Protein backbone atom coordinates (compact mmCIF):
# COMPACT_ATOMS: atom_id res chain seq x y z
CA MET A 1 29.28 -77.82 85.32
CA LYS A 2 27.88 -81.30 84.73
CA LEU A 3 28.30 -84.59 86.57
CA LYS A 4 29.72 -86.28 83.48
CA GLN A 5 32.80 -84.03 83.61
CA LYS A 6 36.16 -85.15 84.94
CA ILE A 7 38.56 -83.19 87.09
CA ASN A 8 42.33 -83.03 87.16
CA ILE A 9 43.99 -82.23 90.45
CA SER A 10 47.08 -80.08 90.10
CA ASP A 11 50.29 -81.95 90.82
CA GLN A 12 51.23 -78.94 92.95
CA VAL A 13 48.50 -79.74 95.51
CA PHE A 14 49.27 -81.90 98.50
CA ALA A 15 46.58 -83.25 100.81
CA GLN A 16 46.95 -84.46 104.38
CA GLU A 17 44.33 -85.77 106.78
CA VAL A 18 44.43 -84.00 110.14
CA ASP A 19 41.88 -84.80 112.87
CA GLU A 20 39.41 -86.35 110.39
CA GLU A 21 39.59 -83.35 108.08
CA ILE A 22 41.71 -82.68 105.03
CA VAL A 23 44.24 -79.88 104.71
CA LEU A 24 45.38 -78.94 101.21
CA LEU A 25 48.65 -77.19 100.44
CA ASP A 26 49.02 -75.41 97.12
CA MET A 27 52.76 -75.41 96.44
CA ASN A 28 52.37 -72.68 93.80
CA SER A 29 50.84 -70.11 96.11
CA GLU A 30 51.98 -71.69 99.41
CA ASN A 31 48.40 -71.36 100.66
CA TYR A 32 46.73 -73.86 102.96
CA PHE A 33 43.08 -74.80 102.63
CA GLY A 34 41.25 -76.50 105.47
CA LEU A 35 38.30 -78.64 104.43
CA ASP A 36 35.34 -79.34 106.69
CA GLU A 37 33.70 -82.76 106.88
CA THR A 38 31.70 -82.25 103.68
CA GLY A 39 34.63 -80.85 101.72
CA SER A 40 36.86 -83.65 102.98
CA ALA A 41 34.39 -86.31 101.84
CA ILE A 42 34.09 -84.73 98.40
CA TRP A 43 37.89 -84.29 98.09
CA GLN A 44 38.56 -87.91 99.04
CA GLN A 45 36.20 -89.18 96.36
CA LEU A 46 37.45 -86.76 93.72
CA SER A 47 41.07 -87.68 94.40
CA LYS A 48 40.23 -91.39 94.07
CA THR A 49 38.16 -91.20 90.91
CA GLY A 50 38.69 -87.87 89.17
CA SER A 51 35.02 -88.12 88.26
CA LEU A 52 32.19 -85.91 89.40
CA GLN A 53 29.68 -88.68 88.66
CA ALA A 54 31.59 -91.31 90.65
CA THR A 55 31.96 -88.84 93.52
CA TYR A 56 28.23 -88.12 93.46
CA ASP A 57 27.36 -91.84 93.29
CA ALA A 58 29.60 -92.72 96.25
CA LEU A 59 28.37 -89.87 98.44
CA ILE A 60 24.67 -90.33 97.69
CA GLU A 61 25.01 -93.89 99.02
CA GLU A 62 27.00 -92.84 102.09
CA TYR A 63 25.00 -89.82 103.29
CA GLU A 64 21.33 -89.06 103.76
CA ILE A 65 21.04 -86.02 101.52
CA GLN A 66 18.71 -84.84 98.80
CA PRO A 67 20.18 -85.57 95.35
CA ALA A 68 19.83 -81.97 94.17
CA GLN A 69 21.52 -80.69 97.32
CA LEU A 70 24.46 -83.08 96.93
CA GLU A 71 24.92 -82.08 93.31
CA ALA A 72 24.85 -78.39 94.24
CA ASP A 73 27.35 -78.98 97.08
CA ILE A 74 29.74 -80.84 94.79
CA PHE A 75 29.53 -78.19 92.09
CA ALA A 76 30.05 -75.33 94.56
CA PHE A 77 33.02 -77.09 96.15
CA VAL A 78 34.64 -77.91 92.82
CA GLN A 79 34.12 -74.34 91.61
CA THR A 80 35.93 -73.11 94.72
CA LEU A 81 38.80 -75.48 93.91
CA VAL A 82 38.87 -74.28 90.30
CA ASP A 83 38.89 -70.64 91.40
CA ALA A 84 41.84 -71.37 93.72
CA GLY A 85 43.71 -73.11 90.88
CA LEU A 86 43.76 -76.47 92.66
CA VAL A 87 41.85 -78.42 90.00
CA GLU A 88 40.77 -78.17 86.39
CA VAL A 89 37.44 -79.43 85.04
């Protein structure tokens, strides 16, 4: 995976903010996914931009985190979403 890639969120995924975290519902599998603070921040940026690079750029400005760690966190999170069928890269 590379930062220059774009993602497409499935139109069968619905997101709702609950107590400052995001809950995703996959209408295909009827599974819920609860996102922690980090996952919620990444999801919010991805859903706004569809861009891994734009997500990285926004989060590196917002949080005090090492660039390599942020990139790894984004890639791991997106891979989890891909594996669950919620997004395509």
